[in-house]
Amino acid sequence: MRVLVALGGNALLRRGQRPDAGSQQENLRDAVTSLASLAERHELIITHGNGPQVGVLALESAKDSNLTRPYPLDTIVSETQGMIGYWMLQALQNALPGRQVAAMVTQTLVSAVDPAFDDPTKFVGEVYDRQEAEKLAREYGWTVKPDGQYWRRVVPSPAPQRVVETRLIRRLVRDHVLTICAGGGGVPVIRNEKGQLQGVEAVIDKDLTGSVLAEALEADVFMMLTDVPRVARNFGTPQQEDIAHTTPHQLRAEEFPAGSMGPKVEAACRFVETTGDMAAIGKLDEAEQILEGKGGTIVTPNATWPLASTL
């Protein structure tokens, strides 16, 4: 079975944790344990988040007095793709000796007139209290918004249209290479007036890119692994209600936060509506149970659709 896994950025940098390379690599080794187990039985493609890392590196760049101007976000996205891809590549090679693994820096095409450029929603970087966040916003010209009980920087997150290197990724998958690609949603690019690719200041949602890529690669399952066990109605309130099995129609009748669960739900709905296959959202350490329909939130075209374990 072909499975595209979108791994949340919190697998590398958890809330409140310092953004040093050692702690991120240690977290990643824990994540790879679950991924390696899946890769032994399924054809796996992996993408990953980079929101925490992009924000950290962007702040470092803004503070660097040796730079005439900070590095743009597209360049920092490519940097984090290489960094996290290297960590993941090595961890998977060590966990799966003899298995061919590739990590790619890939670009994702977006529209130059996407309205998201005028309404930043993508959380990047560390969390702050409101006072510190607003101080940094004034100092660096950021836009900041609340993220639960914290505040974080937000940047434009245009909708992905296509991963530019899709044909190359497809070739690797057909050759049974475990492929890591489209990290952080891919490097955001547009086609300029000359028809050439050109980077833009944005960070694309990795789950929405994952949905586009999963469809293009004809994945049987699109699975988003994060730090919550299931999608929930009224999350964080006494009325919270976990959702175990649902359909796109039912999910679209609910409301979810735009900067966190909202894109995951939208990505799941798009994939299921377009392909008629299964999407899922759940915890990283429950990946196998999710594929068996025993964990996470399973999204299928209708309530009686067969689960991935029966396909």
C-alpha atoms as a PDB file:
ATOM      1  CA  MET A   1       0.000   0.000   0.000  1.00  0.00           C
ATOM      2  CA  ARG A   2       1.292   3.470  -0.889  1.00  0.00           C
ATOM      3  CA  VAL A   3       1.123   5.871   2.065  1.00  0.00           C
ATOM      4  CA  LEU A   4       2.091   9.538   2.135  1.00  0.00           C
ATOM      5  CA  VAL A   5       2.876  10.689   5.681  1.00  0.00           C
ATOM      6  CA  ALA A   6       2.947  14.369   6.624  1.00  0.00           C
ATOM      7  CA  LEU A   7       4.943  14.640   9.841  1.00  0.00           C
ATOM      8  CA  GLY A   8       4.187  17.637  12.063  1.00  0.00           C
ATOM      9  CA  GLY A   9       6.944  20.109  12.879  1.00  0.00           C
ATOM     10  CA  ASN A  10       6.353  19.473  16.572  1.00  0.00           C
ATOM     11  CA  ALA A  11       8.026  16.083  16.117  1.00  0.00           C
ATOM     12  CA  LEU A  12      11.264  18.068  16.018  1.00  0.00           C
ATOM     13  CA  LEU A  13      10.605  21.047  18.270  1.00  0.00           C
ATOM     14  CA  ARG A  14       8.029  20.715  21.011  1.00  0.00           C
ATOM     15  CA  ARG A  15       6.384  23.640  22.748  1.00  0.00           C
ATOM     16  CA  GLY A  16       8.631  25.210  25.337  1.00  0.00           C
ATOM     17  CA  GLN A  17      11.687  23.280  24.142  1.00  0.00           C
ATOM     18  CA  ARG A  18      14.830  25.175  23.173  1.00  0.00           C
ATOM     19  CA  PRO A  19      15.530  25.040  19.406  1.00  0.00           C
ATOM     20  CA  ASP A  20      18.969  23.423  19.573  1.00  0.00           C
ATOM     21  CA  ALA A  21      19.977  20.783  17.034  1.00  0.00           C
ATOM     22  CA  GLY A  22      20.596  18.095  19.663  1.00  0.00           C
ATOM     23  CA  SER A  23      17.071  18.110  21.093  1.00  0.00           C
ATOM     24  CA  GLN A  24      15.515  18.223  17.620  1.00  0.00           C
ATOM     25  CA  GLN A  25      17.535  15.228  16.424  1.00  0.00           C
ATOM     26  CA  GLU A  26      16.632  13.295  19.563  1.00  0.00           C
ATOM     27  CA  ASN A  27      12.945  14.004  18.967  1.00  0.00           C
ATOM     28  CA  LEU A  28      13.342  12.935  15.356  1.00  0.00           C
ATOM     29  CA  ARG A  29      14.860   9.600  16.337  1.00  0.00           C
ATOM     30  CA  ASP A  30      11.709   8.907  18.345  1.00  0.00           C
ATOM     31  CA  ALA A  31       9.594   9.827  15.323  1.00  0.00           C
ATOM     32  CA  VAL A  32      11.586   7.606  12.986  1.00  0.00           C
ATOM     33  CA  THR A  33      10.826   4.545  15.110  1.00  0.00           C
ATOM     34  CA  SER A  34       7.179   4.763  14.036  1.00  0.00           C
ATOM     35  CA  LEU A  35       7.995   5.671  10.438  1.00  0.00           C
ATOM     36  CA  ALA A  36      10.506   2.833  10.020  1.00  0.00           C
ATOM     37  CA  SER A  37       7.919   0.321  11.171  1.00  0.00           C
ATOM     38  CA  LEU A  38       5.484   1.583   8.523  1.00  0.00           C
ATOM     39  CA  ALA A  39       8.195   1.582   5.838  1.00  0.00           C
ATOM     40  CA  GLU A  40       8.898  -2.110   6.395  1.00  0.00           C
ATOM     41  CA  ARG A  41       5.405  -3.030   5.164  1.00  0.00           C
ATOM     42  CA  HIS A  42       4.274  -0.126   2.999  1.00  0.00           C
ATOM     43  CA  GLU A  43       5.498   2.095   0.184  1.00  0.00           C
ATOM     44  CA  LEU A  44       6.174   5.269   2.128  1.00  0.00           C
ATOM     45  CA  ILE A  45       6.631   8.904   1.076  1.00  0.00           C
ATOM     46  CA  ILE A  46       7.385  11.380   3.868  1.00  0.00           C
ATOM     47  CA  THR A  47       6.943  15.104   4.104  1.00  0.00           C
ATOM     48  CA  HIS A  48       7.483  17.166   7.228  1.00  0.00           C
ATOM     49  CA  GLY A  49       6.711  20.489   8.847  1.00  0.00           C
ATOM     50  CA  ASN A  50       9.266  23.216   9.497  1.00  0.00           C
ATOM     51  CA  GLY A  51       7.285  26.063  11.073  1.00  0.00           C
ATOM     52  CA  PRO A  52       9.305  26.177  14.315  1.00  0.00           C
ATOM     53  CA  GLN A  53      12.634  25.950  12.503  1.00  0.00           C
ATOM     54  CA  VAL A  54      11.760  28.578   9.858  1.00  0.00           C
ATOM     55  CA  GLY A  55      10.819  31.047  12.554  1.00  0.00           C
ATOM     56  CA  VAL A  56      14.003  30.448  14.550  1.00  0.00           C
ATOM     57  CA  LEU A  57      16.273  30.847  11.517  1.00  0.00           C
ATOM     58  CA  ALA A  58      14.362  33.893  10.271  1.00  0.00           C
ATOM     59  CA  LEU A  59      14.854  35.584  13.639  1.00  0.00           C
ATOM     60  CA  GLU A  60      18.565  34.732  13.629  1.00  0.00           C
ATOM     61  CA  SER A  61      18.852  36.200  10.133  1.00  0.00           C
ATOM     62  CA  ALA A  62      16.993  39.365  11.159  1.00  0.00           C
ATOM     63  CA  LYS A  63      19.363  39.852  14.107  1.00  0.00           C
ATOM     64  CA  ASP A  64      22.560  39.225  12.106  1.00  0.00           C
ATOM     65  CA  SER A  65      24.330  42.566  11.784  1.00  0.00           C
ATOM     66  CA  ASN A  66      26.650  41.141   9.115  1.00  0.00           C
ATOM     67  CA  LEU A  67      23.751  40.837   6.646  1.00  0.00           C
ATOM     68  CA  THR A  68      22.654  43.841   4.606  1.00  0.00           C
ATOM     69  CA  ARG A  69      19.139  42.326   4.692  1.00  0.00           C
ATOM     70  CA  PRO A  70      17.720  39.117   6.211  1.00  0.00           C
ATOM     71  CA  TYR A  71      17.496  35.964   4.117  1.00  0.00           C
ATOM     72  CA  PRO A  72      14.039  35.705   2.473  1.00  0.00           C
ATOM     73  CA  LEU A  73      11.598  33.030   3.619  1.00  0.00           C
ATOM     74  CA  ASP A  74      11.903  30.906   0.465  1.00  0.00           C
ATOM     75  CA  THR A  75      15.643  30.589   1.080  1.00  0.00           C
ATOM     76  CA  ILE A  76      15.089  29.702   4.731  1.00  0.00           C
ATOM     77  CA  VAL A  77      12.493  27.078   3.746  1.00  0.00           C
ATOM     78  CA  SER A  78      15.082  25.473   1.448  1.00  0.00           C
ATOM     79  CA  GLU A  79      17.624  25.601   4.286  1.00  0.00           C
ATOM     80  CA  THR A  80      15.276  23.821   6.677  1.00  0.00           C
ATOM     81  CA  GLN A  81      14.400  21.239   4.021  1.00  0.00           C
ATOM     82  CA  GLY A  82      18.076  20.369   3.723  1.00  0.00           C
ATOM     83  CA  MET A  83      18.666  20.371   7.483  1.00  0.00           C
ATOM     84  CA  ILE A  84      15.642  18.319   8.535  1.00  0.00           C
ATOM     85  CA  GLY A  85      15.909  16.121   5.448  1.00  0.00           C
ATOM     86  CA  TYR A  86      19.499  15.254   6.392  1.00  0.00           C
ATOM     87  CA  TRP A  87      18.520  14.387   9.968  1.00  0.00           C
ATOM     88  CA  MET A  88      15.603  12.254   8.794  1.00  0.00           C
ATOM     89  CA  LEU A  89      17.604  10.619   6.006  1.00  0.00           C
ATOM     90  CA  GLN A  90      20.345   9.496   8.377  1.00  0.00           C
ATOM     91  CA  ALA A  91      17.929   8.335  11.081  1.00  0.00           C
ATOM     92  CA  LEU A  92      15.962   6.223   8.576  1.00  0.00           C
ATOM     93  CA  GLN A  93      19.117   4.754   7.051  1.00  0.00           C
ATOM     94  CA  ASN A  94      20.262   3.704  10.539  1.00  0.00           C
ATOM     95  CA  ALA A  95      16.824   2.274  11.369  1.00  0.00           C
ATOM     96  CA  LEU A  96      16.459   0.461   8.010  1.00  0.00           C
ATOM     97  CA  PRO A  97      19.916  -0.815   7.013  1.00  0.00           C
ATOM     98  CA  GLY A  98      20.128  -1.614   3.312  1.00  0.00           C
ATOM     99  CA  ARG A  99      17.042   0.409   2.407  1.00  0.00           C
ATOM    100  CA  GLN A 100      17.458   3.136  -0.208  1.00  0.00           C
ATOM    101  CA  VAL A 101      16.437   6.529   1.225  1.00  0.00           C
ATOM    102  CA  ALA A 102      16.494   9.922  -0.529  1.00  0.00           C
ATOM    103  CA  ALA A 103      15.904  13.428   0.833  1.00  0.00           C
ATOM    104  CA  MET A 104      15.076  16.112  -1.732  1.00  0.00           C
ATOM    105  CA  VAL A 105      14.855  19.893  -1.729  1.00  0.00           C
ATOM    106  CA  THR A 106      11.674  20.561  -3.690  1.00  0.00           C
ATOM    107  CA  GLN A 107       9.729  23.601  -4.869  1.00  0.00           C
ATOM    108  CA  THR A 108       5.978  24.136  -4.716  1.00  0.00           C
ATOM    109  CA  LEU A 109       4.204  26.322  -7.229  1.00  0.00           C
ATOM    110  CA  VAL A 110       1.733  28.917  -5.894  1.00  0.00           C
ATOM    111  CA  SER A 111      -0.230  31.759  -7.467  1.00  0.00           C
ATOM    112  CA  ALA A 112       1.346  35.207  -7.382  1.00  0.00           C
ATOM    113  CA  VAL A 113      -2.112  36.707  -6.722  1.00  0.00           C
ATOM    114  CA  ASP A 114      -3.132  34.326  -3.936  1.00  0.00           C
ATOM    115  CA  PRO A 115      -5.065  36.392  -1.338  1.00  0.00           C
ATOM    116  CA  ALA A 116      -3.049  34.695   1.421  1.00  0.00           C
ATOM    117  CA  PHE A 117      -0.227  37.152   0.746  1.00  0.00           C
ATOM    118  CA  ASP A 118      -2.465  39.874   2.232  1.00  0.00           C
ATOM    119  CA  ASP A 119      -3.691  37.789   5.196  1.00  0.00           C
ATOM    120  CA  PRO A 120      -0.874  35.912   6.990  1.00  0.00           C
ATOM    121  CA  THR A 121      -2.077  32.828   8.908  1.00  0.00           C
ATOM    122  CA  LYS A 122       0.844  30.373   9.044  1.00  0.00           C
ATOM    123  CA  PHE A 123       2.463  30.111  12.491  1.00  0.00           C
ATOM    124  CA  VAL A 124       6.264  30.009  12.449  1.00  0.00           C
ATOM    125  CA  GLY A 125       8.925  30.108  15.111  1.00  0.00           C
ATOM    126  CA  GLU A 126       8.813  29.936  18.875  1.00  0.00           C
ATOM    127  CA  VAL A 127       5.896  30.795  21.144  1.00  0.00           C
ATOM    128  CA  TYR A 128       5.843  33.983  23.240  1.00  0.00           C
ATOM    129  CA  ASP A 129       3.605  35.702  25.714  1.00  0.00           C
ATOM    130  CA  ARG A 130       1.598  38.546  24.201  1.00  0.00           C
ATOM    131  CA  GLN A 131       3.862  41.312  25.474  1.00  0.00           C
ATOM    132  CA  GLU A 132       7.038  39.771  24.047  1.00  0.00           C
ATOM    133  CA  ALA A 133       5.332  38.886  20.753  1.00  0.00           C
ATOM    134  CA  GLU A 134       4.096  42.440  20.248  1.00  0.00           C
ATOM    135  CA  LYS A 135       7.536  43.825  21.126  1.00  0.00           C
ATOM    136  CA  LEU A 136       9.164  41.606  18.473  1.00  0.00           C
ATOM    137  CA  ALA A 137       6.450  42.552  15.977  1.00  0.00           C
ATOM    138  CA  ARG A 138       7.269  46.236  16.408  1.00  0.00           C
ATOM    139  CA  GLU A 139      11.009  45.587  16.190  1.00  0.00           C
ATOM    140  CA  TYR A 140      11.011  43.382  13.096  1.00  0.00           C
ATOM    141  CA  GLY A 141       7.780  44.347  11.331  1.00  0.00           C
ATOM    142  CA  TRP A 142       6.143  40.991  12.015  1.00  0.00           C
ATOM    143  CA  THR A 143       2.478  40.079  12.144  1.00  0.00           C
ATOM    144  CA  VAL A 144       1.660  38.105  15.309  1.00  0.00           C
ATOM    145  CA  LYS A 145      -1.491  36.239  16.318  1.00  0.00           C
ATOM    146  CA  PRO A 146      -2.620  34.113  19.273  1.00  0.00           C
ATOM    147  CA  ASP A 147      -1.835  30.378  19.117  1.00  0.00           C
ATOM    148  CA  GLY A 148      -3.757  28.835  22.009  1.00  0.00           C
ATOM    149  CA  GLN A 149      -2.456  30.419  25.222  1.00  0.00           C
ATOM    150  CA  TYR A 150       0.654  31.732  23.418  1.00  0.00           C
ATOM    151  CA  TRP A 151       1.424  34.192  20.622  1.00  0.00           C
ATOM    152  CA  ARG A 152       3.501  33.496  17.512  1.00  0.00           C
ATOM    153  CA  ARG A 153       4.590  35.121  14.299  1.00  0.00           C
ATOM    154  CA  VAL A 154       2.397  34.457  11.262  1.00  0.00           C
ATOM    155  CA  VAL A 155       3.440  34.635   7.598  1.00  0.00           C
ATOM    156  CA  PRO A 156       1.598  34.273   4.255  1.00  0.00           C
ATOM    157  CA  SER A 157       0.624  30.717   3.375  1.00  0.00           C
ATOM    158  CA  PRO A 158      -0.613  30.544  -0.244  1.00  0.00           C
ATOM    159  CA  ALA A 159      -2.363  27.445  -1.546  1.00  0.00           C
ATOM    160  CA  PRO A 160      -0.087  24.861  -3.206  1.00  0.00           C
ATOM    161  CA  GLN A 161      -0.820  24.122  -6.840  1.00  0.00           C
ATOM    162  CA  ARG A 162       1.799  21.508  -7.686  1.00  0.00           C
ATOM    163  CA  VAL A 163       5.140  20.221  -6.441  1.00  0.00           C
ATOM    164  CA  VAL A 164       7.506  21.143  -9.270  1.00  0.00           C
ATOM    165  CA  GLU A 165       9.577  17.948  -8.933  1.00  0.00           C
ATOM    166  CA  THR A 166       6.564  15.581  -8.892  1.00  0.00           C
ATOM    167  CA  ARG A 167       7.777  13.541 -11.877  1.00  0.00           C
ATOM    168  CA  LEU A 168      11.167  12.940 -10.250  1.00  0.00           C
ATOM    169  CA  ILE A 169       9.541  11.942  -6.953  1.00  0.00           C
ATOM    170  CA  ARG A 170       7.272   9.520  -8.810  1.00  0.00           C
ATOM    171  CA  ARG A 171      10.303   7.901 -10.436  1.00  0.00           C
ATOM    172  CA  LEU A 172      12.001   7.406  -7.056  1.00  0.00           C
ATOM    173  CA  VAL A 173       8.854   5.881  -5.566  1.00  0.00           C
ATOM    174  CA  ARG A 174       8.548   3.460  -8.486  1.00  0.00           C
ATOM    175  CA  ASP A 175      12.134   2.384  -7.815  1.00  0.00           C
ATOM    176  CA  HIS A 176      11.151   1.623  -4.188  1.00  0.00           C
ATOM    177  CA  VAL A 177      13.174   4.503  -2.747  1.00  0.00           C
ATOM    178  CA  LEU A 178      11.878   5.786   0.589  1.00  0.00           C
ATOM    179  CA  THR A 179      11.540   9.440  -0.339  1.00  0.00           C
ATOM    180  CA  ILE A 180      11.559  12.515   1.911  1.00  0.00           C
ATOM    181  CA  CYS A 181      10.292  15.548  -0.013  1.00  0.00           C
ATOM    182  CA  ALA A 182       8.192  18.733   0.051  1.00  0.00           C
ATOM    183  CA  GLY A 183       9.439  19.555   3.551  1.00  0.00           C
ATOM    184  CA  GLY A 184       7.753  22.576   5.078  1.00  0.00           C
ATOM    185  CA  GLY A 185       5.261  22.527   2.200  1.00  0.00           C
ATOM    186  CA  GLY A 186       8.080  22.982  -0.311  1.00  0.00           C
ATOM    187  CA  VAL A 187      10.005  26.103  -1.279  1.00  0.00           C
ATOM    188  CA  PRO A 188       7.290  28.597  -2.382  1.00  0.00           C
ATOM    189  CA  VAL A 189       7.736  29.682  -5.995  1.00  0.00           C
ATOM    190  CA  ILE A 190       5.715  31.452  -8.693  1.00  0.00           C
ATOM    191  CA  ARG A 191       6.144  31.676 -12.443  1.00  0.00           C
ATOM    192  CA  ASN A 192       7.094  35.251 -13.264  1.00  0.00           C
ATOM    193  CA  GLU A 193       6.251  37.231 -16.392  1.00  0.00           C
ATOM    194  CA  LYS A 194       9.054  35.414 -18.261  1.00  0.00           C
ATOM    195  CA  GLY A 195       7.649  32.014 -17.302  1.00  0.00           C
ATOM    196  CA  GLN A 196      10.577  31.367 -14.977  1.00  0.00           C
ATOM    197  CA  LEU A 197      10.377  30.060 -11.418  1.00  0.00           C
ATOM    198  CA  GLN A 198      10.945  32.672  -8.734  1.00  0.00           C
ATOM    199  CA  GLY A 199      10.893  32.332  -4.938  1.00  0.00           C
ATOM    200  CA  VAL A 200       8.384  34.309  -2.846  1.00  0.00           C
ATOM    201  CA  GLU A 201       8.112  35.319   0.816  1.00  0.00           C
ATOM    202  CA  ALA A 202       5.814  32.668   2.281  1.00  0.00           C
ATOM    203  CA  VAL A 203       5.633  29.331   4.058  1.00  0.00           C
ATOM    204  CA  ILE A 204       3.200  26.853   2.509  1.00  0.00           C
ATOM    205  CA  ASP A 205       1.185  24.560   4.747  1.00  0.00           C
ATOM    206  CA  LYS A 206       2.822  21.150   4.581  1.00  0.00           C
ATOM    207  CA  ASP A 207      -0.475  19.284   4.953  1.00  0.00           C
ATOM    208  CA  LEU A 208      -2.075  21.039   1.977  1.00  0.00           C
ATOM    209  CA  THR A 209       1.042  20.343  -0.100  1.00  0.00           C
ATOM    210  CA  GLY A 210       0.941  16.751   1.144  1.00  0.00           C
ATOM    211  CA  SER A 211      -2.630  16.410  -0.089  1.00  0.00           C
ATOM    212  CA  VAL A 212      -1.691  17.709  -3.554  1.00  0.00           C
ATOM    213  CA  LEU A 213       1.338  15.415  -3.717  1.00  0.00           C
ATOM    214  CA  ALA A 214      -0.527  12.358  -2.395  1.00  0.00           C
ATOM    215  CA  GLU A 215      -3.075  12.772  -5.153  1.00  0.00           C
ATOM    216  CA  ALA A 216      -0.397  13.198  -7.838  1.00  0.00           C
ATOM    217  CA  LEU A 217       1.481  10.101  -6.617  1.00  0.00           C
ATOM    218  CA  GLU A 218      -1.749   8.032  -6.417  1.00  0.00           C
ATOM    219  CA  ALA A 219      -1.286   7.280  -2.724  1.00  0.00           C
ATOM    220  CA  ASP A 220      -3.807   4.879  -1.162  1.00  0.00           C
ATOM    221  CA  VAL A 221      -3.673   6.748   2.153  1.00  0.00           C
ATOM    222  CA  PHE A 222      -2.760  10.298   3.138  1.00  0.00           C
ATOM    223  CA  MET A 223      -1.879  10.399   6.837  1.00  0.00           C
ATOM    224  CA  MET A 224      -1.073  13.494   8.919  1.00  0.00           C
ATOM    225  CA  LEU A 225       0.766  12.709  12.147  1.00  0.00           C
ATOM    226  CA  THR A 226       0.815  15.309  14.892  1.00  0.00           C
ATOM    227  CA  ASP A 227       0.682  15.592  18.711  1.00  0.00           C
ATOM    228  CA  VAL A 228      -3.061  15.112  19.234  1.00  0.00           C
ATOM    229  CA  PRO A 229      -4.823  11.727  19.095  1.00  0.00           C
ATOM    230  CA  ARG A 230      -7.820  12.850  17.048  1.00  0.00           C
ATOM    231  CA  VAL A 231      -9.602  15.805  15.519  1.00  0.00           C
ATOM    232  CA  ALA A 232     -12.024  17.171  18.104  1.00  0.00           C
ATOM    233  CA  ARG A 233     -15.086  19.362  18.157  1.00  0.00           C
ATOM    234  CA  ASN A 234     -14.879  22.226  20.658  1.00  0.00           C
ATOM    235  CA  PHE A 235     -11.209  21.487  21.301  1.00  0.00           C
ATOM    236  CA  GLY A 236      -9.925  22.577  24.718  1.00  0.00           C
ATOM    237  CA  THR A 237     -13.381  23.123  26.213  1.00  0.00           C
ATOM    238  CA  PRO A 238     -15.514  20.987  28.560  1.00  0.00           C
ATOM    239  CA  GLN A 239     -17.598  20.115  25.487  1.00  0.00           C
ATOM    240  CA  GLN A 240     -14.643  18.585  23.612  1.00  0.00           C
ATOM    241  CA  GLU A 241     -15.681  15.568  21.543  1.00  0.00           C
ATOM    242  CA  ASP A 242     -13.193  13.429  19.639  1.00  0.00           C
ATOM    243  CA  ILE A 243     -14.058  12.396  16.080  1.00  0.00           C
ATOM    244  CA  ALA A 244     -13.095   8.804  15.206  1.00  0.00           C
ATOM    245  CA  HIS A 245     -14.552   8.240  11.704  1.00  0.00           C
ATOM    246  CA  THR A 246     -16.057  10.927   9.517  1.00  0.00           C
ATOM    247  CA  THR A 247     -16.562  12.159   5.959  1.00  0.00           C
ATOM    248  CA  PRO A 248     -15.556  15.387   4.176  1.00  0.00           C
ATOM    249  CA  HIS A 249     -19.174  16.501   4.185  1.00  0.00           C
ATOM    250  CA  GLN A 250     -19.419  16.123   7.960  1.00  0.00           C
ATOM    251  CA  LEU A 251     -16.048  17.773   8.614  1.00  0.00           C
ATOM    252  CA  ARG A 252     -16.865  20.796   6.453  1.00  0.00           C
ATOM    253  CA  ALA A 253     -19.891  21.441   8.649  1.00  0.00           C
ATOM    254  CA  GLU A 254     -17.563  22.017  11.630  1.00  0.00           C
ATOM    255  CA  GLU A 255     -15.228  24.935  12.434  1.00  0.00           C
ATOM    256  CA  PHE A 256     -11.525  24.476  13.183  1.00  0.00           C
ATOM    257  CA  PRO A 257      -8.720  26.999  13.906  1.00  0.00           C
ATOM    258  CA  ALA A 258      -7.209  28.417  10.702  1.00  0.00           C
ATOM    259  CA  GLY A 259      -3.624  28.266  11.933  1.00  0.00           C
ATOM    260  CA  SER A 260      -3.555  24.724  13.338  1.00  0.00           C
ATOM    261  CA  MET A 261      -6.182  22.002  12.803  1.00  0.00           C
ATOM    262  CA  GLY A 262      -8.014  23.862  10.037  1.00  0.00           C
ATOM    263  CA  PRO A 263      -5.429  23.180   7.292  1.00  0.00           C
ATOM    264  CA  LYS A 264      -5.208  19.501   8.299  1.00  0.00           C
ATOM    265  CA  VAL A 265      -8.948  19.073   8.021  1.00  0.00           C
ATOM    266  CA  GLU A 266      -9.004  20.920   4.690  1.00  0.00           C
ATOM    267  CA  ALA A 267      -6.130  18.778   3.368  1.00  0.00           C
ATOM    268  CA  ALA A 268      -7.886  15.569   4.414  1.00  0.00           C
ATOM    269  CA  CYS A 269     -11.168  16.654   2.820  1.00  0.00           C
ATOM    270  CA  ARG A 270      -9.516  17.645  -0.451  1.00  0.00           C
ATOM    271  CA  PHE A 271      -7.664  14.346  -0.763  1.00  0.00           C
ATOM    272  CA  VAL A 272     -10.723  12.211  -0.015  1.00  0.00           C
ATOM    273  CA  GLU A 273     -13.049  14.253  -2.234  1.00  0.00           C
ATOM    274  CA  THR A 274     -10.597  14.159  -5.152  1.00  0.00           C
ATOM    275  CA  THR A 275      -9.430  10.551  -4.958  1.00  0.00           C
ATOM    276  CA  GLY A 276     -12.125   8.638  -3.079  1.00  0.00           C
ATOM    277  CA  ASP A 277      -9.394   7.174  -0.880  1.00  0.00           C
ATOM    278  CA  MET A 278      -8.667   7.474   2.850  1.00  0.00           C
ATOM    279  CA  ALA A 279      -7.080  10.287   4.848  1.00  0.00           C
ATOM    280  CA  ALA A 280      -6.277  10.230   8.554  1.00  0.00           C
ATOM    281  CA  ILE A 281      -5.119  12.571  11.329  1.00  0.00           C
ATOM    282  CA  GLY A 282      -3.611  11.308  14.566  1.00  0.00           C
ATOM    283  CA  LYS A 283      -0.638  10.861  16.867  1.00  0.00           C
ATOM    284  CA  LEU A 284       2.754   9.876  15.544  1.00  0.00           C
ATOM    285  CA  ASP A 285       3.195   6.947  17.928  1.00  0.00           C
ATOM    286  CA  GLU A 286      -0.184   5.514  16.857  1.00  0.00           C
ATOM    287  CA  ALA A 287       0.574   5.408  13.126  1.00  0.00           C
ATOM    288  CA  GLU A 288       0.095   1.647  12.777  1.00  0.00           C
ATOM    289  CA  GLN A 289      -3.176   1.677  14.714  1.00  0.00           C
ATOM    290  CA  ILE A 290      -4.407   4.521  12.532  1.00  0.00           C
ATOM    291  CA  LEU A 291      -3.802   2.498   9.369  1.00  0.00           C
ATOM    292  CA  GLU A 292      -5.771  -0.352  10.951  1.00  0.00           C
ATOM    293  CA  GLY A 293      -8.662   1.989  11.724  1.00  0.00           C
ATOM    294  CA  LYS A 294      -8.085   1.683  15.475  1.00  0.00           C
ATOM    295  CA  GLY A 295      -6.786   5.192  16.167  1.00  0.00           C
ATOM    296  CA  GLY A 296      -6.824   8.752  14.942  1.00  0.00           C
ATOM    297  CA  THR A 297      -9.548  10.422  12.921  1.00  0.00           C
ATOM    298  CA  ILE A 298     -10.321   8.444   9.765  1.00  0.00           C
ATOM    299  CA  VAL A 299     -11.808  10.359   6.825  1.00  0.00           C
ATOM    300  CA  THR A 300     -13.450   8.392   4.000  1.00  0.00           C
ATOM    301  CA  PRO A 301     -16.002   9.245   1.268  1.00  0.00           C
ATOM    302  CA  ASN A 302     -18.856   7.787   3.342  1.00  0.00           C
ATOM    303  CA  ALA A 303     -19.365   6.192   6.742  1.00  0.00           C
ATOM    304  CA  THR A 304     -19.248   2.607   5.434  1.00  0.00           C
ATOM    305  CA  TRP A 305     -16.177   2.983   3.211  1.00  0.00           C
ATOM    306  CA  PRO A 306     -13.555   0.186   3.753  1.00  0.00           C
ATOM    307  CA  LEU A 307     -10.549   1.168   5.839  1.00  0.00           C
ATOM    308  CA  ALA A 308      -7.007   1.075   4.471  1.00  0.00           C
ATOM    309  CA  SER A 309      -6.280  -2.195   6.315  1.00  0.00           C
ATOM    310  CA  THR A 310      -8.850  -3.961   4.104  1.00  0.00           C
ATOM    311  CA  LEU A 311      -7.683  -2.542   0.771  1.00  0.00           C
END
